[in-house]
Amino acid sequence: MKLRNPESRIQNPESRIRNHAAKGFTLVELLLVLVILGTLAAIVLPKFSGTTERARQTQAQTQISTFGTALDAFEVDAGRYPSGANGLLDLIQRPSDVVDWRGPYLKNESEIPNDPWGNPYIYECPGRYNPNGYDLSSMGTDGQQGTEDDVSNWQQPARKQ
């Protein structure tokens, strides 16, 4: 009877690693990973995109509120809200017809910022919705004035369907 060498059963650890690496992944394993990643993307991405849009709307509401505070301070000093072609620009640049201008009324602003979608804010004085004050709005996601996604300083009228 021939005795087996007990060391013959023990493989060299390096050869074990090489044998496993040479096998690679099967097609089924790769497809399973792709299905899992696709499912996760289908669940997670819509949630993040909705959060981004809500964050932009909140940012626009906050910016309109900040403008409102600055416009009220301008009105206290000047006795009126900014009007004419300059509109919001009067908050950071002294208008020639205002004696008691104590601005700039917006902190850390060298220019009037655009809304979160990159469009300028729409300012009207006197306003259509606030005839004794001003209307200030953002056109929202679609970039069109008067649609449901607008953000403004007045209550949007209910839309008929």
N, C-alpha and C. Protein backbone atom coordinates (compact mmCIF):
# COMPACT_ATOMS: atom_id res chain seq x y z
N MET A 1 0.83 -1.15 0.00
CA MET A 1 0.00 0.00 0.00
C MET A 1 0.88 1.23 0.00
N LYS A 2 0.50 2.12 -0.83
CA LYS A 2 1.27 3.34 -0.99
C LYS A 2 0.70 4.41 -0.06
N LEU A 3 1.55 5.03 0.71
CA LEU A 3 1.12 6.09 1.61
C LEU A 3 1.10 7.42 0.87
N ARG A 4 0.03 8.10 1.12
CA ARG A 4 -0.08 9.43 0.48
C ARG A 4 0.66 10.46 1.32
N ASN A 5 1.20 11.33 0.65
CA ASN A 5 1.87 12.42 1.30
C ASN A 5 0.81 13.39 1.83
N PRO A 6 0.72 13.63 3.13
CA PRO A 6 -0.30 14.52 3.67
C PRO A 6 -0.18 15.93 3.13
N GLU A 7 0.95 16.34 2.71
CA GLU A 7 1.14 17.68 2.18
C GLU A 7 0.54 17.82 0.79
N SER A 8 0.26 16.71 0.11
CA SER A 8 -0.28 16.80 -1.24
C SER A 8 -1.71 17.33 -1.23
N ARG A 9 -2.43 17.13 -0.12
CA ARG A 9 -3.80 17.65 -0.03
C ARG A 9 -3.81 19.15 0.21
N ILE A 10 -2.84 19.66 0.87
CA ILE A 10 -2.78 21.09 1.17
C ILE A 10 -2.24 21.81 -0.06
N GLN A 11 -3.08 22.67 -0.57
CA GLN A 11 -2.64 23.43 -1.74
C GLN A 11 -1.94 24.69 -1.29
N ASN A 12 -1.11 25.14 -2.13
CA ASN A 12 -0.43 26.39 -1.90
C ASN A 12 -1.49 27.51 -1.95
N PRO A 13 -1.55 28.43 -0.96
CA PRO A 13 -2.57 29.49 -0.96
C PRO A 13 -2.54 30.33 -2.23
N GLU A 14 -1.41 30.58 -2.79
CA GLU A 14 -1.32 31.36 -4.02
C GLU A 14 -1.99 30.64 -5.19
N SER A 15 -1.83 29.34 -5.28
CA SER A 15 -2.46 28.60 -6.37
C SER A 15 -3.97 28.56 -6.19
N ARG A 16 -4.45 28.52 -4.95
CA ARG A 16 -5.89 28.57 -4.70
C ARG A 16 -6.47 29.90 -5.19
N ILE A 17 -5.79 30.98 -4.92
CA ILE A 17 -6.25 32.30 -5.36
C ILE A 17 -6.25 32.37 -6.88
N ARG A 18 -5.23 31.86 -7.51
CA ARG A 18 -5.16 31.88 -8.97
C ARG A 18 -6.28 31.05 -9.59
N ASN A 19 -6.57 29.90 -9.02
CA ASN A 19 -7.64 29.05 -9.54
C ASN A 19 -8.99 29.76 -9.43
N HIS A 20 -9.26 30.41 -8.30
CA HIS A 20 -10.54 31.11 -8.11
C HIS A 20 -10.64 32.30 -9.06
N ALA A 21 -9.55 33.05 -9.21
CA ALA A 21 -9.57 34.22 -10.08
C ALA A 21 -9.75 33.83 -11.53
N ALA A 22 -9.24 32.69 -11.91
CA ALA A 22 -9.37 32.25 -13.29
C ALA A 22 -10.80 31.90 -13.63
N LYS A 23 -11.59 31.49 -12.65
CA LYS A 23 -12.97 31.12 -12.91
C LYS A 23 -13.81 32.34 -13.26
N GLY A 24 -13.65 33.49 -12.56
CA GLY A 24 -14.42 34.71 -12.85
C GLY A 24 -15.87 34.59 -12.43
N PHE A 25 -16.69 35.49 -12.94
CA PHE A 25 -18.12 35.50 -12.63
C PHE A 25 -18.89 34.84 -13.75
N THR A 26 -19.96 34.19 -13.40
CA THR A 26 -20.80 33.58 -14.42
C THR A 26 -21.75 34.64 -14.97
N LEU A 27 -22.33 34.38 -16.09
CA LEU A 27 -23.28 35.30 -16.70
C LEU A 27 -24.49 35.53 -15.80
N VAL A 28 -24.92 34.50 -15.13
CA VAL A 28 -26.07 34.61 -14.22
C VAL A 28 -25.74 35.55 -13.07
N GLU A 29 -24.54 35.44 -12.51
CA GLU A 29 -24.15 36.33 -11.42
C GLU A 29 -24.11 37.78 -11.88
N LEU A 30 -23.55 38.02 -13.04
CA LEU A 30 -23.50 39.38 -13.58
C LEU A 30 -24.90 39.94 -13.83
N LEU A 31 -25.79 39.12 -14.39
CA LEU A 31 -27.16 39.58 -14.63
C LEU A 31 -27.89 39.86 -13.33
N LEU A 32 -27.65 39.07 -12.32
CA LEU A 32 -28.28 39.28 -11.03
C LEU A 32 -27.83 40.62 -10.42
N VAL A 33 -26.55 40.92 -10.52
CA VAL A 33 -26.05 42.20 -10.01
C VAL A 33 -26.67 43.36 -10.78
N LEU A 34 -26.77 43.24 -12.10
CA LEU A 34 -27.37 44.31 -12.90
C LEU A 34 -28.84 44.51 -12.56
N VAL A 35 -29.57 43.45 -12.32
CA VAL A 35 -30.99 43.56 -11.95
C VAL A 35 -31.12 44.25 -10.60
N ILE A 36 -30.27 43.91 -9.65
CA ILE A 36 -30.31 44.54 -8.33
C ILE A 36 -29.99 46.04 -8.44
N LEU A 37 -28.96 46.40 -9.18
CA LEU A 37 -28.61 47.80 -9.36
C LEU A 37 -29.71 48.57 -10.08
N GLY A 38 -30.32 47.98 -11.08
CA GLY A 38 -31.42 48.62 -11.80
C GLY A 38 -32.62 48.85 -10.90
N THR A 39 -32.93 47.87 -10.06
CA THR A 39 -34.05 48.02 -9.14
C THR A 39 -33.79 49.13 -8.13
N LEU A 40 -32.60 49.18 -7.58
CA LEU A 40 -32.25 50.24 -6.63
C LEU A 40 -32.33 51.62 -7.30
N ALA A 41 -31.83 51.72 -8.51
CA ALA A 41 -31.89 53.00 -9.23
C ALA A 41 -33.33 53.42 -9.49
N ALA A 42 -34.19 52.47 -9.85
CA ALA A 42 -35.59 52.78 -10.12
C ALA A 42 -36.31 53.25 -8.86
N ILE A 43 -35.89 52.79 -7.71
CA ILE A 43 -36.53 53.19 -6.45
C ILE A 43 -35.96 54.52 -5.94
N VAL A 44 -34.66 54.68 -6.00
CA VAL A 44 -33.99 55.81 -5.37
C VAL A 44 -34.02 57.08 -6.21
N LEU A 45 -33.78 57.02 -7.49
CA LEU A 45 -33.66 58.23 -8.32
C LEU A 45 -34.91 59.09 -8.32
N PRO A 46 -36.11 58.56 -8.47
CA PRO A 46 -37.29 59.43 -8.43
C PRO A 46 -37.45 60.16 -7.10
N LYS A 47 -37.06 59.52 -6.01
CA LYS A 47 -37.17 60.16 -4.71
C LYS A 47 -36.22 61.35 -4.61
N PHE A 48 -35.02 61.20 -5.15
CA PHE A 48 -34.08 62.31 -5.11
C PHE A 48 -34.50 63.44 -6.03
N SER A 49 -35.04 63.13 -7.19
CA SER A 49 -35.44 64.19 -8.12
C SER A 49 -36.60 64.99 -7.56
N GLY A 50 -37.53 64.35 -6.85
CA GLY A 50 -38.63 65.06 -6.22
C GLY A 50 -38.14 65.95 -5.09
N THR A 51 -37.17 65.49 -4.36
CA THR A 51 -36.60 66.27 -3.26
C THR A 51 -35.89 67.51 -3.81
N THR A 52 -35.21 67.37 -4.91
CA THR A 52 -34.51 68.50 -5.51
C THR A 52 -35.50 69.57 -5.94
N GLU A 53 -36.59 69.18 -6.54
CA GLU A 53 -37.59 70.15 -7.00
C GLU A 53 -38.25 70.86 -5.82
N ARG A 54 -38.56 70.12 -4.77
CA ARG A 54 -39.13 70.75 -3.57
C ARG A 54 -38.14 71.71 -2.94
N ALA A 55 -36.87 71.35 -2.96
CA ALA A 55 -35.84 72.23 -2.40
C ALA A 55 -35.74 73.52 -3.21
N ARG A 56 -35.87 73.43 -4.52
CA ARG A 56 -35.84 74.64 -5.36
C ARG A 56 -37.05 75.52 -5.08
N GLN A 57 -38.22 74.92 -4.91
CA GLN A 57 -39.42 75.72 -4.60
C GLN A 57 -39.27 76.41 -3.25
N THR A 58 -38.73 75.69 -2.27
CA THR A 58 -38.50 76.29 -0.96
C THR A 58 -37.49 77.41 -1.04
N GLN A 59 -36.45 77.22 -1.84
CA GLN A 59 -35.44 78.25 -2.02
C GLN A 59 -36.05 79.50 -2.66
N ALA A 60 -36.93 79.32 -3.65
CA ALA A 60 -37.59 80.45 -4.29
C ALA A 60 -38.49 81.18 -3.29
N GLN A 61 -39.24 80.43 -2.47
CA GLN A 61 -40.10 81.07 -1.45
C GLN A 61 -39.27 81.85 -0.45
N THR A 62 -38.14 81.30 -0.05
CA THR A 62 -37.26 81.99 0.89
C THR A 62 -36.69 83.25 0.27
N GLN A 63 -36.28 83.17 -0.99
CA GLN A 63 -35.72 84.34 -1.66
C GLN A 63 -36.79 85.42 -1.82
N ILE A 64 -38.02 85.05 -2.16
CA ILE A 64 -39.11 86.02 -2.28
C ILE A 64 -39.38 86.68 -0.93
N SER A 65 -39.30 85.92 0.14
CA SER A 65 -39.47 86.47 1.48
C SER A 65 -38.35 87.45 1.82
N THR A 66 -37.13 87.12 1.44
CA THR A 66 -35.99 88.01 1.65
C THR A 66 -36.18 89.30 0.87
N PHE A 67 -36.60 89.18 -0.39
CA PHE A 67 -36.90 90.38 -1.18
C PHE A 67 -37.99 91.21 -0.50
N GLY A 68 -39.01 90.53 0.06
CA GLY A 68 -40.10 91.22 0.73
C GLY A 68 -39.61 92.07 1.89
N THR A 69 -38.70 91.51 2.69
CA THR A 69 -38.13 92.25 3.82
C THR A 69 -37.35 93.47 3.31
N ALA A 70 -36.55 93.27 2.27
CA ALA A 70 -35.78 94.37 1.70
C ALA A 70 -36.69 95.43 1.07
N LEU A 71 -37.74 95.00 0.39
CA LEU A 71 -38.68 95.94 -0.22
C LEU A 71 -39.41 96.76 0.85
N ASP A 72 -39.78 96.12 1.96
CA ASP A 72 -40.43 96.84 3.04
C ASP A 72 -39.49 97.88 3.66
N ALA A 73 -38.22 97.53 3.83
CA ALA A 73 -37.24 98.49 4.36
C ALA A 73 -37.06 99.66 3.39
N PHE A 74 -37.02 99.37 2.09
CA PHE A 74 -36.93 100.43 1.08
C PHE A 74 -38.15 101.34 1.18
N GLU A 75 -39.33 100.75 1.35
CA GLU A 75 -40.56 101.53 1.42
C GLU A 75 -40.59 102.44 2.65
N VAL A 76 -40.05 101.97 3.77
CA VAL A 76 -39.98 102.79 4.98
C VAL A 76 -39.08 103.99 4.73
N ASP A 77 -37.94 103.78 4.10
CA ASP A 77 -36.99 104.87 3.86
C ASP A 77 -37.46 105.82 2.76
N ALA A 78 -37.96 105.27 1.66
CA ALA A 78 -38.29 106.09 0.48
C ALA A 78 -39.74 106.55 0.45
N GLY A 79 -40.60 105.92 1.23
CA GLY A 79 -42.01 106.28 1.21
C GLY A 79 -42.80 105.61 0.11
N ARG A 80 -42.18 104.74 -0.62
CA ARG A 80 -42.83 104.00 -1.71
C ARG A 80 -41.99 102.76 -2.02
N TYR A 81 -42.61 101.82 -2.74
CA TYR A 81 -41.87 100.65 -3.22
C TYR A 81 -41.16 101.02 -4.52
N PRO A 82 -40.07 100.32 -4.85
CA PRO A 82 -39.42 100.60 -6.14
C PRO A 82 -40.40 100.41 -7.29
N SER A 83 -40.28 101.25 -8.29
CA SER A 83 -41.16 101.12 -9.46
C SER A 83 -40.35 101.42 -10.70
N GLY A 84 -40.97 101.24 -11.83
CA GLY A 84 -40.30 101.52 -13.09
C GLY A 84 -39.45 100.38 -13.57
N ALA A 85 -38.60 100.69 -14.51
CA ALA A 85 -37.79 99.66 -15.17
C ALA A 85 -36.76 99.04 -14.24
N ASN A 86 -36.25 99.80 -13.26
CA ASN A 86 -35.23 99.28 -12.36
C ASN A 86 -35.77 98.23 -11.41
N GLY A 87 -36.97 98.44 -10.88
CA GLY A 87 -37.60 97.46 -9.99
C GLY A 87 -36.70 97.03 -8.86
N LEU A 88 -36.36 95.75 -8.81
CA LEU A 88 -35.56 95.19 -7.73
C LEU A 88 -34.14 95.74 -7.69
N LEU A 89 -33.66 96.25 -8.79
CA LEU A 89 -32.30 96.80 -8.83
C LEU A 89 -32.16 97.98 -7.87
N ASP A 90 -33.28 98.68 -7.58
CA ASP A 90 -33.25 99.79 -6.63
C ASP A 90 -32.88 99.34 -5.22
N LEU A 91 -32.95 98.04 -4.94
CA LEU A 91 -32.58 97.54 -3.63
C LEU A 91 -31.08 97.52 -3.40
N ILE A 92 -30.30 97.50 -4.48
CA ILE A 92 -28.84 97.44 -4.34
C ILE A 92 -28.13 98.65 -4.95
N GLN A 93 -28.84 99.43 -5.77
CA GLN A 93 -28.27 100.63 -6.37
C GLN A 93 -29.17 101.82 -6.06
N ARG A 94 -28.58 102.91 -5.62
CA ARG A 94 -29.36 104.09 -5.23
C ARG A 94 -30.07 104.67 -6.45
N PRO A 95 -31.42 104.76 -6.39
CA PRO A 95 -32.15 105.42 -7.46
C PRO A 95 -31.97 106.94 -7.37
N SER A 96 -31.95 107.59 -8.50
CA SER A 96 -31.69 109.04 -8.52
C SER A 96 -32.82 109.85 -7.89
N ASP A 97 -34.03 109.34 -7.86
CA ASP A 97 -35.17 110.10 -7.35
C ASP A 97 -35.50 109.83 -5.89
N VAL A 98 -34.66 109.09 -5.17
CA VAL A 98 -34.91 108.77 -3.75
C VAL A 98 -33.84 109.46 -2.91
N VAL A 99 -34.29 110.34 -1.98
CA VAL A 99 -33.38 111.10 -1.15
C VAL A 99 -32.87 110.28 0.04
N ASP A 100 -33.78 109.60 0.74
CA ASP A 100 -33.42 108.89 1.97
C ASP A 100 -33.13 107.41 1.74
N TRP A 101 -32.40 107.10 0.72
CA TRP A 101 -32.02 105.70 0.44
C TRP A 101 -30.94 105.29 1.42
N ARG A 102 -31.15 104.20 2.16
CA ARG A 102 -30.18 103.73 3.16
C ARG A 102 -29.70 102.33 2.82
N GLY A 103 -29.64 102.03 1.55
CA GLY A 103 -29.27 100.69 1.12
C GLY A 103 -27.78 100.49 1.08
N PRO A 104 -27.34 99.42 0.52
CA PRO A 104 -28.14 98.39 -0.14
C PRO A 104 -28.97 97.58 0.87
N TYR A 105 -30.13 97.15 0.43
CA TYR A 105 -31.07 96.47 1.29
C TYR A 105 -30.94 94.95 1.25
N LEU A 106 -30.15 94.44 0.34
CA LEU A 106 -29.85 93.00 0.28
C LEU A 106 -28.40 92.80 0.69
N LYS A 107 -28.18 91.93 1.65
CA LYS A 107 -26.82 91.67 2.13
C LYS A 107 -26.06 90.82 1.12
N ASN A 108 -24.79 91.13 0.99
CA ASN A 108 -23.87 90.33 0.17
C ASN A 108 -24.33 90.15 -1.26
N GLU A 109 -25.01 91.12 -1.80
CA GLU A 109 -25.46 90.99 -3.19
C GLU A 109 -24.89 92.14 -4.02
N SER A 110 -24.21 91.79 -5.08
CA SER A 110 -23.74 92.80 -6.02
C SER A 110 -24.69 92.90 -7.21
N GLU A 111 -25.58 91.93 -7.32
CA GLU A 111 -26.62 91.94 -8.35
C GLU A 111 -27.82 91.17 -7.84
N ILE A 112 -28.96 91.39 -8.48
CA ILE A 112 -30.18 90.69 -8.07
C ILE A 112 -30.06 89.24 -8.55
N PRO A 113 -30.17 88.28 -7.63
CA PRO A 113 -30.02 86.87 -8.04
C PRO A 113 -31.22 86.39 -8.84
N ASN A 114 -30.98 85.43 -9.70
CA ASN A 114 -32.05 84.76 -10.43
C ASN A 114 -32.70 83.73 -9.53
N ASP A 115 -33.85 83.23 -9.96
CA ASP A 115 -34.52 82.18 -9.20
C ASP A 115 -33.73 80.87 -9.31
N PRO A 116 -34.09 79.85 -8.56
CA PRO A 116 -33.33 78.59 -8.58
C PRO A 116 -33.29 77.90 -9.95
N TRP A 117 -34.17 78.27 -10.87
CA TRP A 117 -34.19 77.68 -12.21
C TRP A 117 -33.43 78.54 -13.21
N GLY A 118 -32.80 79.62 -12.73
CA GLY A 118 -31.98 80.46 -13.60
C GLY A 118 -32.73 81.59 -14.30
N ASN A 119 -33.99 81.81 -13.96
CA ASN A 119 -34.78 82.88 -14.57
C ASN A 119 -34.85 84.08 -13.64
N PRO A 120 -35.00 85.29 -14.20
CA PRO A 120 -35.14 86.45 -13.32
C PRO A 120 -36.49 86.44 -12.61
N TYR A 121 -36.52 87.00 -11.41
CA TYR A 121 -37.79 87.16 -10.69
C TYR A 121 -38.60 88.24 -11.39
N ILE A 122 -39.92 88.11 -11.33
CA ILE A 122 -40.81 89.08 -11.96
C ILE A 122 -41.36 89.98 -10.87
N TYR A 123 -41.10 91.28 -11.00
CA TYR A 123 -41.53 92.27 -10.01
C TYR A 123 -42.41 93.30 -10.69
N GLU A 124 -43.58 93.56 -10.12
CA GLU A 124 -44.50 94.58 -10.64
C GLU A 124 -44.98 95.44 -9.47
N CYS A 125 -44.94 96.75 -9.65
CA CYS A 125 -45.44 97.67 -8.64
C CYS A 125 -46.13 98.84 -9.34
N PRO A 126 -47.38 99.09 -9.09
CA PRO A 126 -48.27 98.35 -8.21
C PRO A 126 -48.60 96.99 -8.83
N GLY A 127 -48.95 96.07 -7.96
CA GLY A 127 -49.20 94.71 -8.41
C GLY A 127 -50.63 94.49 -8.87
N ARG A 128 -50.80 93.49 -9.70
CA ARG A 128 -52.15 93.09 -10.12
C ARG A 128 -52.88 92.37 -8.99
N TYR A 129 -52.14 91.56 -8.22
CA TYR A 129 -52.74 90.79 -7.14
C TYR A 129 -52.65 91.54 -5.81
N ASN A 130 -51.69 92.42 -5.69
CA ASN A 130 -51.51 93.27 -4.51
C ASN A 130 -51.52 94.73 -4.97
N PRO A 131 -52.69 95.30 -5.25
CA PRO A 131 -52.74 96.64 -5.84
C PRO A 131 -52.16 97.74 -4.94
N ASN A 132 -52.13 97.54 -3.64
CA ASN A 132 -51.55 98.54 -2.74
C ASN A 132 -50.08 98.27 -2.45
N GLY A 133 -49.53 97.27 -3.08
CA GLY A 133 -48.13 96.90 -2.85
C GLY A 133 -47.47 96.48 -4.14
N TYR A 134 -46.90 95.30 -4.12
CA TYR A 134 -46.15 94.79 -5.27
C TYR A 134 -46.44 93.30 -5.45
N ASP A 135 -46.21 92.82 -6.66
CA ASP A 135 -46.27 91.39 -6.97
C ASP A 135 -44.84 90.95 -7.26
N LEU A 136 -44.45 89.84 -6.68
CA LEU A 136 -43.12 89.29 -6.90
C LEU A 136 -43.27 87.79 -7.10
N SER A 137 -42.74 87.27 -8.21
CA SER A 137 -42.93 85.85 -8.50
C SER A 137 -41.76 85.27 -9.27
N SER A 138 -41.72 83.94 -9.24
CA SER A 138 -40.79 83.15 -10.02
C SER A 138 -41.62 82.28 -10.96
N MET A 139 -41.14 82.08 -12.17
CA MET A 139 -41.90 81.30 -13.15
C MET A 139 -41.82 79.80 -12.90
N GLY A 140 -41.00 79.36 -11.97
CA GLY A 140 -40.94 77.94 -11.63
C GLY A 140 -40.21 77.09 -12.65
N THR A 141 -40.46 75.81 -12.58
CA THR A 141 -39.75 74.82 -13.39
C THR A 141 -39.91 75.03 -14.89
N ASP A 142 -41.14 75.31 -15.33
CA ASP A 142 -41.39 75.38 -16.77
C ASP A 142 -40.97 76.70 -17.40
N GLY A 143 -40.63 77.71 -16.61
CA GLY A 143 -40.17 78.99 -17.15
C GLY A 143 -41.28 79.80 -17.81
N GLN A 144 -42.54 79.48 -17.52
CA GLN A 144 -43.68 80.21 -18.10
C GLN A 144 -44.48 80.84 -16.97
N GLN A 145 -44.82 82.10 -17.16
CA GLN A 145 -45.58 82.82 -16.16
C GLN A 145 -47.05 82.42 -16.19
N GLY A 146 -47.67 82.33 -15.02
CA GLY A 146 -49.08 82.03 -14.92
C GLY A 146 -49.44 80.56 -14.91
N THR A 147 -48.48 79.69 -14.65
CA THR A 147 -48.76 78.25 -14.58
C THR A 147 -48.74 77.80 -13.13
N GLU A 148 -49.12 76.55 -12.89
CA GLU A 148 -49.27 76.03 -11.53
C GLU A 148 -47.98 75.95 -10.73
N ASP A 149 -46.85 75.88 -11.40
CA ASP A 149 -45.59 75.73 -10.66
C ASP A 149 -44.97 77.07 -10.26
N ASP A 150 -45.65 78.18 -10.53
CA ASP A 150 -45.13 79.49 -10.15
C ASP A 150 -45.04 79.62 -8.63
N VAL A 151 -44.05 80.37 -8.16
CA VAL A 151 -43.90 80.68 -6.75
C VAL A 151 -44.05 82.19 -6.64
N SER A 152 -44.93 82.67 -5.74
CA SER A 152 -45.21 84.10 -5.69
C SER A 152 -45.48 84.58 -4.28
N ASN A 153 -45.62 85.91 -4.14
CA ASN A 153 -45.94 86.50 -2.84
C ASN A 153 -47.45 86.71 -2.66
N TRP A 154 -48.26 86.10 -3.53
CA TRP A 154 -49.71 86.15 -3.38
C TRP A 154 -50.25 84.75 -3.50
N GLN A 155 -51.50 84.59 -3.06
CA GLN A 155 -52.16 83.28 -3.14
C GLN A 155 -52.55 83.02 -4.58
N GLN A 156 -52.09 81.90 -5.13
CA GLN A 156 -52.42 81.53 -6.51
C GLN A 156 -53.91 81.22 -6.62
N PRO A 157 -54.61 81.75 -7.63
CA PRO A 157 -56.02 81.38 -7.79
C PRO A 157 -56.16 79.91 -8.16
N ALA A 158 -57.27 79.31 -7.74
CA ALA A 158 -57.50 77.89 -8.05
C ALA A 158 -57.69 77.73 -9.55
N ARG A 159 -57.09 76.71 -10.09
CA ARG A 159 -57.18 76.43 -11.54
C ARG A 159 -58.39 75.58 -11.84
N LYS A 160 -59.06 75.91 -12.94
CA LYS A 160 -60.19 75.07 -13.38
C LYS A 160 -59.64 73.92 -14.18
N GLN A 161 -60.26 72.76 -14.00
CA GLN A 161 -59.78 71.59 -14.74
C GLN A 161 -60.75 71.20 -15.80
